[in-house]
Amino acid sequence: MAQTEQNIILFDGICKLCHFSVRFVIRHDKHEKFHFAQLQSKTGKHFLQKAGLPEDYQNGLVYSDGKDFFLDSTAVLKILKELHGIWKLLYIFIFIPKKLRDGLYHIIAKSRYRIFGKYQSCPVPSKESASRFLD
């Protein structure tokens, strides 16, 4: 199973927007804190089960800090808080009511394939970042 149980980002492996987001995190994660698993992978399904989510969960991003699991807009904000540079300042949006944040998140999530497209299968990570992806 996973070598680490903290700072795991679960993402939709066929979603182009999700892959863009993962590449963004990799680019701004100077200390290589985060690890990634596709929701569709064995490790992804393991963490979904630990989070109390169904194995076929595809509704959005899931983030584990090692103690708790976070979903949707809260997951995004928790991840941004851990990045270097100006991105951590966006954590201030945590003060917007969760219902409003998640409402916007779900609008984007529901139309992500239509707007951004999807892959026919999960792309292979680059050689430089491959060690950060969990099977």
C-alpha atoms as a PDB file:
ATOM      1  CA  MET A   1       0.000   0.000   0.000  1.00  0.00           C
ATOM      2  CA  ALA A   2       0.994   3.631   0.170  1.00  0.00           C
ATOM      3  CA  GLN A   3       4.357   4.500   1.687  1.00  0.00           C
ATOM      4  CA  THR A   4       2.764   7.553   3.224  1.00  0.00           C
ATOM      5  CA  GLU A   5      -0.635   8.125   4.705  1.00  0.00           C
ATOM      6  CA  GLN A   6      -0.457  11.920   4.789  1.00  0.00           C
ATOM      7  CA  ASN A   7      -0.734  14.637   2.187  1.00  0.00           C
ATOM      8  CA  ILE A   8      -2.476  12.359  -0.278  1.00  0.00           C
ATOM      9  CA  ILE A   9      -4.491  13.954  -3.058  1.00  0.00           C
ATOM     10  CA  LEU A  10      -7.033  11.688  -4.733  1.00  0.00           C
ATOM     11  CA  PHE A  11      -8.117  12.899  -8.155  1.00  0.00           C
ATOM     12  CA  ASP A  12     -10.158  11.734 -11.125  1.00  0.00           C
ATOM     13  CA  GLY A  13      -7.607  10.048 -13.385  1.00  0.00           C
ATOM     14  CA  ILE A  14      -9.443  10.701 -16.647  1.00  0.00           C
ATOM     15  CA  CYS A  15     -10.340  14.361 -15.994  1.00  0.00           C
ATOM     16  CA  LYS A  16      -8.163  16.852 -17.879  1.00  0.00           C
ATOM     17  CA  LEU A  17      -8.920  19.627 -15.366  1.00  0.00           C
ATOM     18  CA  CYS A  18      -7.853  17.299 -12.538  1.00  0.00           C
ATOM     19  CA  HIS A  19      -4.567  16.504 -14.280  1.00  0.00           C
ATOM     20  CA  PHE A  20      -3.941  20.212 -14.807  1.00  0.00           C
ATOM     21  CA  SER A  21      -4.566  20.730 -11.078  1.00  0.00           C
ATOM     22  CA  VAL A  22      -2.141  17.936 -10.144  1.00  0.00           C
ATOM     23  CA  ARG A  23       0.558  19.432 -12.385  1.00  0.00           C
ATOM     24  CA  PHE A  24      -0.102  22.815 -10.738  1.00  0.00           C
ATOM     25  CA  VAL A  25       0.411  21.323  -7.270  1.00  0.00           C
ATOM     26  CA  ILE A  26       3.585  19.527  -8.370  1.00  0.00           C
ATOM     27  CA  ARG A  27       4.977  22.771  -9.803  1.00  0.00           C
ATOM     28  CA  HIS A  28       4.307  24.736  -6.579  1.00  0.00           C
ATOM     29  CA  ASP A  29       5.109  22.017  -4.036  1.00  0.00           C
ATOM     30  CA  LYS A  30       8.805  22.849  -3.584  1.00  0.00           C
ATOM     31  CA  HIS A  31       9.377  20.310  -0.788  1.00  0.00           C
ATOM     32  CA  GLU A  32       7.497  17.492  -2.567  1.00  0.00           C
ATOM     33  CA  LYS A  33       5.104  17.154   0.343  1.00  0.00           C
ATOM     34  CA  PHE A  34       2.149  15.881  -1.679  1.00  0.00           C
ATOM     35  CA  HIS A  35       1.550  12.439  -3.146  1.00  0.00           C
ATOM     36  CA  PHE A  36      -1.155  11.586  -5.629  1.00  0.00           C
ATOM     37  CA  ALA A  37      -3.463   8.693  -6.384  1.00  0.00           C
ATOM     38  CA  GLN A  38      -6.141   8.378  -8.997  1.00  0.00           C
ATOM     39  CA  LEU A  39      -9.594   7.696  -7.610  1.00  0.00           C
ATOM     40  CA  GLN A  40      -9.764   4.726  -9.990  1.00  0.00           C
ATOM     41  CA  SER A  41      -6.556   3.101  -8.676  1.00  0.00           C
ATOM     42  CA  LYS A  42      -6.161   0.435  -6.008  1.00  0.00           C
ATOM     43  CA  THR A  43      -4.639   2.998  -3.631  1.00  0.00           C
ATOM     44  CA  GLY A  44      -7.379   5.499  -4.469  1.00  0.00           C
ATOM     45  CA  LYS A  45     -10.061   2.962  -3.620  1.00  0.00           C
ATOM     46  CA  HIS A  46      -8.235   2.120  -0.359  1.00  0.00           C
ATOM     47  CA  PHE A  47      -8.254   5.769   0.719  1.00  0.00           C
ATOM     48  CA  LEU A  48     -11.858   6.235  -0.383  1.00  0.00           C
ATOM     49  CA  GLN A  49     -12.804   3.351   1.888  1.00  0.00           C
ATOM     50  CA  LYS A  50     -10.815   4.881   4.772  1.00  0.00           C
ATOM     51  CA  ALA A  51     -12.649   8.177   4.166  1.00  0.00           C
ATOM     52  CA  GLY A  52     -16.011   6.403   4.308  1.00  0.00           C
ATOM     53  CA  LEU A  53     -16.749   7.121   0.650  1.00  0.00           C
ATOM     54  CA  PRO A  54     -18.027   4.642  -1.942  1.00  0.00           C
ATOM     55  CA  GLU A  55     -15.410   2.862  -4.040  1.00  0.00           C
ATOM     56  CA  ASP A  56     -16.864   4.366  -7.220  1.00  0.00           C
ATOM     57  CA  TYR A  57     -16.736   7.962  -5.882  1.00  0.00           C
ATOM     58  CA  GLN A  58     -15.978  10.339  -8.754  1.00  0.00           C
ATOM     59  CA  ASN A  59     -17.583  13.565  -7.497  1.00  0.00           C
ATOM     60  CA  GLY A  60     -14.445  15.516  -6.762  1.00  0.00           C
ATOM     61  CA  LEU A  61     -11.135  15.925  -5.079  1.00  0.00           C
ATOM     62  CA  VAL A  62     -10.299  14.145  -1.826  1.00  0.00           C
ATOM     63  CA  TYR A  63      -7.381  15.232   0.353  1.00  0.00           C
ATOM     64  CA  SER A  64      -5.924  13.463   3.386  1.00  0.00           C
ATOM     65  CA  ASP A  65      -3.579  15.323   5.710  1.00  0.00           C
ATOM     66  CA  GLY A  66      -2.917  12.092   7.581  1.00  0.00           C
ATOM     67  CA  LYS A  67      -5.518  12.746  10.271  1.00  0.00           C
ATOM     68  CA  ASP A  68      -8.643  13.799   8.391  1.00  0.00           C
ATOM     69  CA  PHE A  69     -10.125  13.636   4.919  1.00  0.00           C
ATOM     70  CA  PHE A  70     -11.357  16.772   3.162  1.00  0.00           C
ATOM     71  CA  LEU A  71     -13.623  17.023   0.135  1.00  0.00           C
ATOM     72  CA  ASP A  72     -14.395  19.516  -2.577  1.00  0.00           C
ATOM     73  CA  SER A  73     -13.636  23.203  -1.920  1.00  0.00           C
ATOM     74  CA  THR A  74     -12.234  22.486   1.540  1.00  0.00           C
ATOM     75  CA  ALA A  75      -9.764  20.017   0.005  1.00  0.00           C
ATOM     76  CA  VAL A  76      -8.670  22.620  -2.544  1.00  0.00           C
ATOM     77  CA  LEU A  77      -8.170  25.288   0.111  1.00  0.00           C
ATOM     78  CA  LYS A  78      -6.279  22.949   2.465  1.00  0.00           C
ATOM     79  CA  ILE A  79      -3.934  22.018  -0.393  1.00  0.00           C
ATOM     80  CA  LEU A  80      -3.389  25.662  -1.409  1.00  0.00           C
ATOM     81  CA  LYS A  81      -2.563  26.504   2.209  1.00  0.00           C
ATOM     82  CA  GLU A  82       0.345  24.034   2.081  1.00  0.00           C
ATOM     83  CA  LEU A  83       1.843  25.340  -1.175  1.00  0.00           C
ATOM     84  CA  HIS A  84       4.636  27.866  -1.372  1.00  0.00           C
ATOM     85  CA  GLY A  85       4.221  31.394  -2.567  1.00  0.00           C
ATOM     86  CA  ILE A  86       1.133  33.504  -2.883  1.00  0.00           C
ATOM     87  CA  TRP A  87      -1.170  30.488  -3.264  1.00  0.00           C
ATOM     88  CA  LYS A  88      -1.428  29.943   0.486  1.00  0.00           C
ATOM     89  CA  LEU A  89      -3.112  33.354   0.791  1.00  0.00           C
ATOM     90  CA  LEU A  90      -6.151  31.914  -0.993  1.00  0.00           C
ATOM     91  CA  TYR A  91      -6.882  29.953   2.183  1.00  0.00           C
ATOM     92  CA  ILE A  92      -8.714  33.066   3.369  1.00  0.00           C
ATOM     93  CA  PHE A  93     -11.664  31.807   1.298  1.00  0.00           C
ATOM     94  CA  ILE A  94     -12.194  29.172   3.988  1.00  0.00           C
ATOM     95  CA  PHE A  95     -14.234  31.873   5.753  1.00  0.00           C
ATOM     96  CA  ILE A  96     -16.825  31.823   2.969  1.00  0.00           C
ATOM     97  CA  PRO A  97     -19.611  29.489   4.061  1.00  0.00           C
ATOM     98  CA  LYS A  98     -18.916  25.919   2.942  1.00  0.00           C
ATOM     99  CA  LYS A  99     -22.314  25.660   1.285  1.00  0.00           C
ATOM    100  CA  LEU A 100     -21.458  28.554  -1.056  1.00  0.00           C
ATOM    101  CA  ARG A 101     -17.902  27.331  -1.746  1.00  0.00           C
ATOM    102  CA  ASP A 102     -19.058  23.791  -2.444  1.00  0.00           C
ATOM    103  CA  GLY A 103     -21.916  25.061  -4.595  1.00  0.00           C
ATOM    104  CA  LEU A 104     -19.440  26.733  -6.945  1.00  0.00           C
ATOM    105  CA  TYR A 105     -17.119  23.723  -6.757  1.00  0.00           C
ATOM    106  CA  HIS A 106     -19.949  21.363  -7.751  1.00  0.00           C
ATOM    107  CA  ILE A 107     -20.972  23.524 -10.710  1.00  0.00           C
ATOM    108  CA  ILE A 108     -17.437  23.216 -12.061  1.00  0.00           C
ATOM    109  CA  ALA A 109     -17.148  19.522 -11.136  1.00  0.00           C
ATOM    110  CA  LYS A 110     -20.401  18.602 -12.907  1.00  0.00           C
ATOM    111  CA  SER A 111     -19.346  20.253 -16.158  1.00  0.00           C
ATOM    112  CA  ARG A 112     -15.588  19.507 -16.044  1.00  0.00           C
ATOM    113  CA  TYR A 113     -15.690  16.837 -18.763  1.00  0.00           C
ATOM    114  CA  ARG A 114     -17.805  18.972 -21.068  1.00  0.00           C
ATOM    115  CA  ILE A 115     -15.671  22.099 -20.608  1.00  0.00           C
ATOM    116  CA  PHE A 116     -12.155  20.661 -20.215  1.00  0.00           C
ATOM    117  CA  GLY A 117     -12.511  17.185 -21.724  1.00  0.00           C
ATOM    118  CA  LYS A 118     -11.404  13.816 -20.487  1.00  0.00           C
ATOM    119  CA  TYR A 119      -8.832  11.195 -21.319  1.00  0.00           C
ATOM    120  CA  GLN A 120      -9.826   7.766 -22.621  1.00  0.00           C
ATOM    121  CA  SER A 121      -7.514   6.249 -20.006  1.00  0.00           C
ATOM    122  CA  CYS A 122      -5.435   7.573 -17.121  1.00  0.00           C
ATOM    123  CA  PRO A 123      -2.267   9.269 -18.448  1.00  0.00           C
ATOM    124  CA  VAL A 124       1.130   8.131 -17.176  1.00  0.00           C
ATOM    125  CA  PRO A 125       2.948  10.703 -14.997  1.00  0.00           C
ATOM    126  CA  SER A 126       6.249  12.195 -16.163  1.00  0.00           C
ATOM    127  CA  LYS A 127       9.505  10.543 -15.097  1.00  0.00           C
ATOM    128  CA  GLU A 128      10.297  13.507 -12.846  1.00  0.00           C
ATOM    129  CA  SER A 129       7.080  13.190 -10.837  1.00  0.00           C
ATOM    130  CA  ALA A 130       6.382   9.448 -11.113  1.00  0.00           C
ATOM    131  CA  SER A 131       7.662   8.704  -7.602  1.00  0.00           C
ATOM    132  CA  ARG A 132       4.974  10.971  -6.150  1.00  0.00           C
ATOM    133  CA  PHE A 133       2.151   8.886  -7.611  1.00  0.00           C
ATOM    134  CA  LEU A 134       0.824   5.964  -5.622  1.00  0.00           C
ATOM    135  CA  ASP A 135      -0.460   2.861  -7.430  1.00  0.00           C
END
